[in-house]
Amino acid sequence: MILENIDNDNINNIIHTISREIDWVNTQKYELKNKEFKNIIFKNTCTGIFFHECIGHFLEADYYNSSPIRLLSDLNILPKNINILENYNSSNYVDDFGNKVTNNISLIENGKIKNILSNTIYSYLFNIENTGNSINEKINIFNVPRMRNMFLQPEENNLLDLISQINDGIIIEEISMGEVDIYSGEFTILIEKSYLIEKGKITRALKEHILNFNIRDLRNSQIKLCNDLKNKSSLCCKSSNIIKVKYCTPSMLLEKSN
């Protein structure tokens, strides 16, 4: 049955992917030595993981009240061109507590926090809407709010045009994992595959490295989104509970504030 669903286009894509991975393994890689980059491009294969770590966990109700973003008087946490939906076109009618799932809920609108992801327990504790985001790997694990399927509204920027405008930066193709400190607002991502951008050209491959951010800094940064939406999924571990999460996101350029 699997073979029946493979056509020539799929085979060509598989061969291309395998070829690229072989090239990557055999490529000599450059090691970054504590260099800070102001311009960072995230391919559409990893933009979703970045936003999952930088904003998604902070807007889960069990984390939100302990995070620094709840102290923002204006709730403006990201640049004004950022709009994020959660439970995007979800096929789940109820969550693991049997509560109705709120589809296409606006988390971020024009850079401003609009809603918090919740479940039965935390909607009662904090007197907020139950969005139906109880998702559990196992029935014997305490139920906490989780992200399910994120959508990041694209813009009309072209990825190649953005690359050509960068004199010194990096482009990230794969993120292997991320980690969040909800109390400080710090979050870290482990970069598995990336390249230097020098004078508008993608040049040297980079060794695996770590990038550190703080959620407070993003509101003063500039983000340019591309027009190349892509569906992607990954695994997320929270409270010893591993689930599959999905993203529909474009590539983006993050220009970090000084």
C-alpha atoms as a PDB file:
ATOM      1  CA  MET A   1       0.000   0.000   0.000  1.00  0.00           C
ATOM      2  CA  ILE A   2       2.864   2.380   0.788  1.00  0.00           C
ATOM      3  CA  LEU A   3       4.514   1.718  -2.572  1.00  0.00           C
ATOM      4  CA  GLU A   4       1.258   2.448  -4.380  1.00  0.00           C
ATOM      5  CA  ASN A   5       1.290   5.977  -2.953  1.00  0.00           C
ATOM      6  CA  ILE A   6       4.804   6.769  -4.194  1.00  0.00           C
ATOM      7  CA  ASP A   7       4.935   8.543  -7.551  1.00  0.00           C
ATOM      8  CA  ASN A   8       7.855   9.911  -9.553  1.00  0.00           C
ATOM      9  CA  ASP A   9       7.724  13.302  -7.820  1.00  0.00           C
ATOM     10  CA  ASN A  10       7.923  11.657  -4.389  1.00  0.00           C
ATOM     11  CA  ILE A  11      10.836   9.466  -5.482  1.00  0.00           C
ATOM     12  CA  ASN A  12      12.689  12.486  -6.864  1.00  0.00           C
ATOM     13  CA  ASN A  13      12.126  14.391  -3.616  1.00  0.00           C
ATOM     14  CA  ILE A  14      13.378  11.432  -1.575  1.00  0.00           C
ATOM     15  CA  ILE A  15      16.487  11.071  -3.738  1.00  0.00           C
ATOM     16  CA  HIS A  16      17.140  14.825  -3.520  1.00  0.00           C
ATOM     17  CA  THR A  17      16.783  14.783   0.288  1.00  0.00           C
ATOM     18  CA  ILE A  18      19.109  11.797   0.674  1.00  0.00           C
ATOM     19  CA  SER A  19      21.651  13.420  -1.639  1.00  0.00           C
ATOM     20  CA  ARG A  20      21.586  16.647   0.365  1.00  0.00           C
ATOM     21  CA  GLU A  21      22.060  14.755   3.627  1.00  0.00           C
ATOM     22  CA  ILE A  22      25.064  12.884   2.211  1.00  0.00           C
ATOM     23  CA  ASP A  23      26.558  16.179   1.026  1.00  0.00           C
ATOM     24  CA  TRP A  24      25.992  17.713   4.479  1.00  0.00           C
ATOM     25  CA  VAL A  25      27.713  14.817   6.278  1.00  0.00           C
ATOM     26  CA  ASN A  26      30.726  15.032   3.962  1.00  0.00           C
ATOM     27  CA  THR A  27      31.010  18.837   4.101  1.00  0.00           C
ATOM     28  CA  GLN A  28      33.743  20.377   6.237  1.00  0.00           C
ATOM     29  CA  LYS A  29      32.104  22.541   8.880  1.00  0.00           C
ATOM     30  CA  TYR A  30      33.205  25.811  10.440  1.00  0.00           C
ATOM     31  CA  GLU A  31      33.065  26.226  14.215  1.00  0.00           C
ATOM     32  CA  LEU A  32      31.600  29.430  15.602  1.00  0.00           C
ATOM     33  CA  LYS A  33      33.581  30.905  18.487  1.00  0.00           C
ATOM     34  CA  ASN A  34      31.103  32.878  20.590  1.00  0.00           C
ATOM     35  CA  LYS A  35      30.245  35.124  17.672  1.00  0.00           C
ATOM     36  CA  GLU A  36      26.970  37.023  17.908  1.00  0.00           C
ATOM     37  CA  PHE A  37      24.894  37.538  14.773  1.00  0.00           C
ATOM     38  CA  LYS A  38      22.374  40.342  14.392  1.00  0.00           C
ATOM     39  CA  ASN A  39      20.797  38.817  11.263  1.00  0.00           C
ATOM     40  CA  ILE A  40      19.433  35.277  11.544  1.00  0.00           C
ATOM     41  CA  ILE A  41      17.319  33.583   8.880  1.00  0.00           C
ATOM     42  CA  PHE A  42      15.154  30.633   9.854  1.00  0.00           C
ATOM     43  CA  LYS A  43      14.049  28.401   6.991  1.00  0.00           C
ATOM     44  CA  ASN A  44      10.376  27.402   6.971  1.00  0.00           C
ATOM     45  CA  THR A  45      11.514  23.991   8.228  1.00  0.00           C
ATOM     46  CA  CYS A  46      12.368  25.448  11.637  1.00  0.00           C
ATOM     47  CA  THR A  47      10.498  28.748  12.116  1.00  0.00           C
ATOM     48  CA  GLY A  48       7.697  26.853  13.858  1.00  0.00           C
ATOM     49  CA  ILE A  49      10.045  25.309  16.434  1.00  0.00           C
ATOM     50  CA  PHE A  50      11.521  28.749  17.156  1.00  0.00           C
ATOM     51  CA  PHE A  51       8.104  30.286  17.879  1.00  0.00           C
ATOM     52  CA  HIS A  52       7.022  27.171  19.767  1.00  0.00           C
ATOM     53  CA  GLU A  53       9.903  27.747  22.181  1.00  0.00           C
ATOM     54  CA  CYS A  54       9.942  31.542  22.277  1.00  0.00           C
ATOM     55  CA  ILE A  55       6.215  32.177  22.677  1.00  0.00           C
ATOM     56  CA  GLY A  56       4.207  28.940  22.693  1.00  0.00           C
ATOM     57  CA  HIS A  57       5.258  27.620  26.089  1.00  0.00           C
ATOM     58  CA  PHE A  58       4.971  31.057  27.697  1.00  0.00           C
ATOM     59  CA  LEU A  59       1.301  31.185  26.623  1.00  0.00           C
ATOM     60  CA  GLU A  60       0.360  27.823  28.143  1.00  0.00           C
ATOM     61  CA  ALA A  61      -1.693  28.635  31.223  1.00  0.00           C
ATOM     62  CA  ASP A  62       0.382  26.622  33.702  1.00  0.00           C
ATOM     63  CA  TYR A  63       3.498  28.566  32.609  1.00  0.00           C
ATOM     64  CA  TYR A  64       1.999  31.971  31.834  1.00  0.00           C
ATOM     65  CA  ASN A  65       1.406  33.093  35.430  1.00  0.00           C
ATOM     66  CA  SER A  66       5.027  32.301  36.300  1.00  0.00           C
ATOM     67  CA  SER A  67       6.549  33.980  33.257  1.00  0.00           C
ATOM     68  CA  PRO A  68       7.792  37.580  32.915  1.00  0.00           C
ATOM     69  CA  ILE A  69       5.441  38.375  30.013  1.00  0.00           C
ATOM     70  CA  ARG A  70       2.420  38.511  32.337  1.00  0.00           C
ATOM     71  CA  LEU A  71       3.953  41.692  33.784  1.00  0.00           C
ATOM     72  CA  LEU A  72       3.767  43.553  30.466  1.00  0.00           C
ATOM     73  CA  SER A  73       1.205  46.310  30.858  1.00  0.00           C
ATOM     74  CA  ASP A  74       0.443  46.524  27.139  1.00  0.00           C
ATOM     75  CA  LEU A  75       0.835  42.772  26.349  1.00  0.00           C
ATOM     76  CA  ASN A  76       2.903  43.692  23.268  1.00  0.00           C
ATOM     77  CA  ILE A  77       5.447  40.883  23.164  1.00  0.00           C
ATOM     78  CA  LEU A  78       6.380  40.639  19.462  1.00  0.00           C
ATOM     79  CA  PRO A  79       6.711  43.039  16.498  1.00  0.00           C
ATOM     80  CA  LYS A  80       3.378  44.287  15.160  1.00  0.00           C
ATOM     81  CA  ASN A  81       3.536  42.218  11.955  1.00  0.00           C
ATOM     82  CA  ILE A  82       3.357  38.920  13.876  1.00  0.00           C
ATOM     83  CA  ASN A  83       0.030  37.041  13.948  1.00  0.00           C
ATOM     84  CA  ILE A  84      -0.141  33.505  15.348  1.00  0.00           C
ATOM     85  CA  LEU A  85      -3.052  31.062  15.501  1.00  0.00           C
ATOM     86  CA  GLU A  86      -3.175  27.873  17.549  1.00  0.00           C
ATOM     87  CA  ASN A  87      -5.301  24.741  17.064  1.00  0.00           C
ATOM     88  CA  TYR A  88      -4.996  25.699  13.408  1.00  0.00           C
ATOM     89  CA  ASN A  89      -7.659  23.882  11.370  1.00  0.00           C
ATOM     90  CA  SER A  90      -7.575  21.155  13.995  1.00  0.00           C
ATOM     91  CA  SER A  91      -9.330  17.873  13.244  1.00  0.00           C
ATOM     92  CA  ASN A  92      -9.698  17.275  16.994  1.00  0.00           C
ATOM     93  CA  TYR A  93     -13.193  18.091  18.215  1.00  0.00           C
ATOM     94  CA  VAL A  94     -12.396  17.406  21.877  1.00  0.00           C
ATOM     95  CA  ASP A  95      -9.186  17.275  23.909  1.00  0.00           C
ATOM     96  CA  ASP A  96      -8.033  14.482  26.224  1.00  0.00           C
ATOM     97  CA  PHE A  97     -10.372  15.750  28.963  1.00  0.00           C
ATOM     98  CA  GLY A  98     -13.356  15.667  26.599  1.00  0.00           C
ATOM     99  CA  ASN A  99     -13.528  19.457  26.295  1.00  0.00           C
ATOM    100  CA  LYS A 100     -14.349  21.173  23.015  1.00  0.00           C
ATOM    101  CA  VAL A 101     -11.268  22.316  21.103  1.00  0.00           C
ATOM    102  CA  THR A 102     -11.318  25.998  20.115  1.00  0.00           C
ATOM    103  CA  ASN A 103     -10.141  26.013  16.492  1.00  0.00           C
ATOM    104  CA  ASN A 104      -7.960  28.783  15.042  1.00  0.00           C
ATOM    105  CA  ILE A 105      -7.619  30.601  18.346  1.00  0.00           C
ATOM    106  CA  SER A 106      -5.663  33.849  18.062  1.00  0.00           C
ATOM    107  CA  LEU A 107      -2.618  33.744  20.347  1.00  0.00           C
ATOM    108  CA  ILE A 108      -0.822  36.785  18.948  1.00  0.00           C
ATOM    109  CA  GLU A 109      -2.518  39.555  16.977  1.00  0.00           C
ATOM    110  CA  ASN A 110      -0.385  42.398  15.624  1.00  0.00           C
ATOM    111  CA  GLY A 111       2.318  41.424  18.109  1.00  0.00           C
ATOM    112  CA  LYS A 112      -0.036  41.518  21.098  1.00  0.00           C
ATOM    113  CA  ILE A 113      -1.087  38.609  23.326  1.00  0.00           C
ATOM    114  CA  LYS A 114      -4.764  37.828  22.725  1.00  0.00           C
ATOM    115  CA  ASN A 115      -5.386  34.451  24.392  1.00  0.00           C
ATOM    116  CA  ILE A 116      -3.837  31.865  26.688  1.00  0.00           C
ATOM    117  CA  LEU A 117      -3.938  28.110  26.039  1.00  0.00           C
ATOM    118  CA  SER A 118      -5.858  26.374  28.793  1.00  0.00           C
ATOM    119  CA  ASN A 119      -7.642  23.231  29.911  1.00  0.00           C
ATOM    120  CA  THR A 120     -10.259  22.281  32.503  1.00  0.00           C
ATOM    121  CA  ILE A 121      -8.006  22.700  35.534  1.00  0.00           C
ATOM    122  CA  TYR A 122      -6.316  25.969  34.629  1.00  0.00           C
ATOM    123  CA  SER A 123      -9.379  27.641  33.172  1.00  0.00           C
ATOM    124  CA  TYR A 124     -11.007  27.111  36.584  1.00  0.00           C
ATOM    125  CA  LEU A 125      -7.943  28.226  38.585  1.00  0.00           C
ATOM    126  CA  PHE A 126      -7.344  31.403  36.572  1.00  0.00           C
ATOM    127  CA  ASN A 127     -10.914  32.124  35.458  1.00  0.00           C
ATOM    128  CA  ILE A 128     -10.067  32.060  31.752  1.00  0.00           C
ATOM    129  CA  GLU A 129     -11.597  30.389  28.704  1.00  0.00           C
ATOM    130  CA  ASN A 130     -11.040  26.645  28.351  1.00  0.00           C
ATOM    131  CA  THR A 131      -9.469  26.336  24.883  1.00  0.00           C
ATOM    132  CA  GLY A 132      -9.424  22.529  24.903  1.00  0.00           C
ATOM    133  CA  ASN A 133      -5.649  22.101  24.951  1.00  0.00           C
ATOM    134  CA  SER A 134      -5.293  19.134  27.301  1.00  0.00           C
ATOM    135  CA  ILE A 135      -3.072  16.749  25.354  1.00  0.00           C
ATOM    136  CA  ASN A 136      -1.509  13.744  27.030  1.00  0.00           C
ATOM    137  CA  GLU A 137       0.836  11.001  25.937  1.00  0.00           C
ATOM    138  CA  LYS A 138      -0.335   8.710  28.769  1.00  0.00           C
ATOM    139  CA  ILE A 139      -3.456   8.689  30.934  1.00  0.00           C
ATOM    140  CA  ASN A 140      -1.482   8.431  34.187  1.00  0.00           C
ATOM    141  CA  ILE A 141       0.337  11.763  33.663  1.00  0.00           C
ATOM    142  CA  PHE A 142      -1.001  15.021  35.111  1.00  0.00           C
ATOM    143  CA  ASN A 143      -2.878  16.934  32.431  1.00  0.00           C
ATOM    144  CA  VAL A 144      -1.337  20.268  31.410  1.00  0.00           C
ATOM    145  CA  PRO A 145      -2.085  22.671  28.529  1.00  0.00           C
ATOM    146  CA  ARG A 146      -0.098  21.999  25.362  1.00  0.00           C
ATOM    147  CA  MET A 147       0.252  23.513  21.916  1.00  0.00           C
ATOM    148  CA  ARG A 148      -1.205  21.404  19.106  1.00  0.00           C
ATOM    149  CA  ASN A 149      -0.917  23.060  15.674  1.00  0.00           C
ATOM    150  CA  MET A 150       0.520  26.553  15.115  1.00  0.00           C
ATOM    151  CA  PHE A 151      -0.034  28.843  12.141  1.00  0.00           C
ATOM    152  CA  LEU A 152       2.144  31.909  11.532  1.00  0.00           C
ATOM    153  CA  GLN A 153       0.664  34.377   9.050  1.00  0.00           C
ATOM    154  CA  PRO A 154       3.131  34.910   6.163  1.00  0.00           C
ATOM    155  CA  GLU A 155       4.134  38.101   4.385  1.00  0.00           C
ATOM    156  CA  GLU A 156       5.275  38.694   0.806  1.00  0.00           C
ATOM    157  CA  ASN A 157       9.047  38.707   1.318  1.00  0.00           C
ATOM    158  CA  ASN A 158      11.151  36.440  -0.883  1.00  0.00           C
ATOM    159  CA  LEU A 159      13.734  34.308   0.923  1.00  0.00           C
ATOM    160  CA  LEU A 160      16.457  34.770  -1.707  1.00  0.00           C
ATOM    161  CA  ASP A 161      15.959  38.542  -1.623  1.00  0.00           C
ATOM    162  CA  LEU A 162      16.391  38.607   2.157  1.00  0.00           C
ATOM    163  CA  ILE A 163      19.562  36.519   1.934  1.00  0.00           C
ATOM    164  CA  SER A 164      21.024  38.879  -0.688  1.00  0.00           C
ATOM    165  CA  GLN A 165      20.561  41.843   1.699  1.00  0.00           C
ATOM    166  CA  ILE A 166      22.601  40.315   4.543  1.00  0.00           C
ATOM    167  CA  ASN A 167      26.293  41.159   4.806  1.00  0.00           C
ATOM    168  CA  ASP A 168      27.045  39.013   7.854  1.00  0.00           C
ATOM    169  CA  GLY A 169      24.610  36.461   9.284  1.00  0.00           C
ATOM    170  CA  ILE A 170      23.504  32.846   9.387  1.00  0.00           C
ATOM    171  CA  ILE A 171      20.728  30.761   7.871  1.00  0.00           C
ATOM    172  CA  ILE A 172      19.278  27.913   9.928  1.00  0.00           C
ATOM    173  CA  GLU A 173      17.779  24.846   8.258  1.00  0.00           C
ATOM    174  CA  GLU A 174      17.299  22.445  11.183  1.00  0.00           C
ATOM    175  CA  ILE A 175      16.777  22.836  14.931  1.00  0.00           C
ATOM    176  CA  SER A 176      17.191  19.639  16.910  1.00  0.00           C
ATOM    177  CA  MET A 177      15.698  20.841  20.232  1.00  0.00           C
ATOM    178  CA  GLY A 178      14.885  23.807  22.430  1.00  0.00           C
ATOM    179  CA  GLU A 179      14.587  24.610  26.113  1.00  0.00           C
ATOM    180  CA  VAL A 180      12.721  27.330  28.012  1.00  0.00           C
ATOM    181  CA  ASP A 181      13.241  28.949  31.416  1.00  0.00           C
ATOM    182  CA  ILE A 182       9.762  30.300  32.098  1.00  0.00           C
ATOM    183  CA  TYR A 183      10.853  32.344  35.129  1.00  0.00           C
ATOM    184  CA  SER A 184      13.597  34.381  33.438  1.00  0.00           C
ATOM    185  CA  GLY A 185      12.215  34.449  29.903  1.00  0.00           C
ATOM    186  CA  GLU A 186      15.399  32.847  28.561  1.00  0.00           C
ATOM    187  CA  PHE A 187      15.121  30.197  25.852  1.00  0.00           C
ATOM    188  CA  THR A 188      17.761  28.189  24.036  1.00  0.00           C
ATOM    189  CA  ILE A 189      17.737  26.379  20.718  1.00  0.00           C
ATOM    190  CA  LEU A 190      20.233  23.775  19.527  1.00  0.00           C
ATOM    191  CA  ILE A 191      21.083  24.361  15.872  1.00  0.00           C
ATOM    192  CA  GLU A 192      21.755  21.145  13.979  1.00  0.00           C
ATOM    193  CA  LYS A 193      22.203  22.462  10.432  1.00  0.00           C
ATOM    194  CA  SER A 194      23.129  26.012   9.455  1.00  0.00           C
ATOM    195  CA  TYR A 195      25.342  28.073   7.151  1.00  0.00           C
ATOM    196  CA  LEU A 196      27.118  31.408   7.198  1.00  0.00           C
ATOM    197  CA  ILE A 197      25.771  34.245   5.056  1.00  0.00           C
ATOM    198  CA  GLU A 198      28.553  36.521   3.819  1.00  0.00           C
ATOM    199  CA  LYS A 199      27.977  39.485   1.510  1.00  0.00           C
ATOM    200  CA  GLY A 200      24.594  38.198   0.437  1.00  0.00           C
ATOM    201  CA  LYS A 201      25.752  34.639  -0.288  1.00  0.00           C
ATOM    202  CA  ILE A 202      25.357  31.356   1.612  1.00  0.00           C
ATOM    203  CA  THR A 203      28.915  30.155   2.191  1.00  0.00           C
ATOM    204  CA  ARG A 204      30.376  27.873   4.854  1.00  0.00           C
ATOM    205  CA  ALA A 205      28.519  25.105   6.685  1.00  0.00           C
ATOM    206  CA  LEU A 206      28.552  25.454  10.476  1.00  0.00           C
ATOM    207  CA  LYS A 207      29.073  22.915  13.217  1.00  0.00           C
ATOM    208  CA  GLU A 208      26.248  22.246  15.659  1.00  0.00           C
ATOM    209  CA  HIS A 209      25.865  25.206  18.016  1.00  0.00           C
ATOM    210  CA  ILE A 210      23.545  26.861  20.527  1.00  0.00           C
ATOM    211  CA  LEU A 211      21.707  30.186  20.288  1.00  0.00           C
ATOM    212  CA  ASN A 212      20.358  31.951  23.370  1.00  0.00           C
ATOM    213  CA  PHE A 213      17.498  34.448  23.426  1.00  0.00           C
ATOM    214  CA  ASN A 214      15.265  36.274  25.891  1.00  0.00           C
ATOM    215  CA  ILE A 215      11.576  36.768  25.202  1.00  0.00           C
ATOM    216  CA  ARG A 216      11.851  40.410  26.338  1.00  0.00           C
ATOM    217  CA  ASP A 217      14.293  41.202  23.519  1.00  0.00           C
ATOM    218  CA  LEU A 218      12.010  40.064  20.705  1.00  0.00           C
ATOM    219  CA  ARG A 219       9.544  42.924  21.020  1.00  0.00           C
ATOM    220  CA  ASN A 220      12.308  45.350  20.026  1.00  0.00           C
ATOM    221  CA  SER A 221      13.628  43.186  17.200  1.00  0.00           C
ATOM    222  CA  GLN A 222      12.531  43.305  13.569  1.00  0.00           C
ATOM    223  CA  ILE A 223      11.041  40.210  11.935  1.00  0.00           C
ATOM    224  CA  LYS A 224      10.450  39.816   8.195  1.00  0.00           C
ATOM    225  CA  LEU A 225       8.309  36.886   7.091  1.00  0.00           C
ATOM    226  CA  CYS A 226       8.434  35.180   3.706  1.00  0.00           C
ATOM    227  CA  ASN A 227       5.750  33.805   1.380  1.00  0.00           C
ATOM    228  CA  ASP A 228       6.789  30.123   1.544  1.00  0.00           C
ATOM    229  CA  LEU A 229       4.483  28.422   4.066  1.00  0.00           C
ATOM    230  CA  LYS A 230       5.459  24.862   4.955  1.00  0.00           C
ATOM    231  CA  ASN A 231       3.884  22.192   7.183  1.00  0.00           C
ATOM    232  CA  LYS A 232       6.237  20.608   9.679  1.00  0.00           C
ATOM    233  CA  SER A 233       5.971  18.495  12.838  1.00  0.00           C
ATOM    234  CA  SER A 234       8.241  17.683  15.771  1.00  0.00           C
ATOM    235  CA  LEU A 235       8.167  16.114  19.228  1.00  0.00           C
ATOM    236  CA  CYS A 236       7.780  18.212  22.373  1.00  0.00           C
ATOM    237  CA  CYS A 237       8.533  17.058  25.919  1.00  0.00           C
ATOM    238  CA  LYS A 238       6.884  18.802  28.857  1.00  0.00           C
ATOM    239  CA  SER A 239       6.342  17.418  32.363  1.00  0.00           C
ATOM    240  CA  SER A 240       7.759  14.054  31.206  1.00  0.00           C
ATOM    241  CA  ASN A 241       5.039  13.953  28.558  1.00  0.00           C
ATOM    242  CA  ILE A 242       6.096  13.645  24.894  1.00  0.00           C
ATOM    243  CA  ILE A 243       3.621  14.607  22.173  1.00  0.00           C
ATOM    244  CA  LYS A 244       3.697  15.457  18.473  1.00  0.00           C
ATOM    245  CA  VAL A 245       3.147  19.121  17.610  1.00  0.00           C
ATOM    246  CA  LYS A 246       2.597  20.653  14.168  1.00  0.00           C
ATOM    247  CA  TYR A 247       3.438  23.971  12.542  1.00  0.00           C
ATOM    248  CA  CYS A 248       2.485  25.812   9.368  1.00  0.00           C
ATOM    249  CA  THR A 249       5.043  28.601   9.073  1.00  0.00           C
ATOM    250  CA  PRO A 250       7.090  30.574   6.518  1.00  0.00           C
ATOM    251  CA  SER A 251      10.797  31.343   6.483  1.00  0.00           C
ATOM    252  CA  MET A 252      11.765  34.486   8.385  1.00  0.00           C
ATOM    253  CA  LEU A 253      14.543  36.969   8.990  1.00  0.00           C
ATOM    254  CA  LEU A 254      15.148  37.955  12.624  1.00  0.00           C
ATOM    255  CA  GLU A 255      17.081  41.203  13.007  1.00  0.00           C
ATOM    256  CA  LYS A 256      18.042  41.219  16.668  1.00  0.00           C
ATOM    257  CA  SER A 257      17.985  44.494  18.582  1.00  0.00           C
ATOM    258  CA  ASN A 258      21.290  45.816  19.877  1.00  0.00           C
END
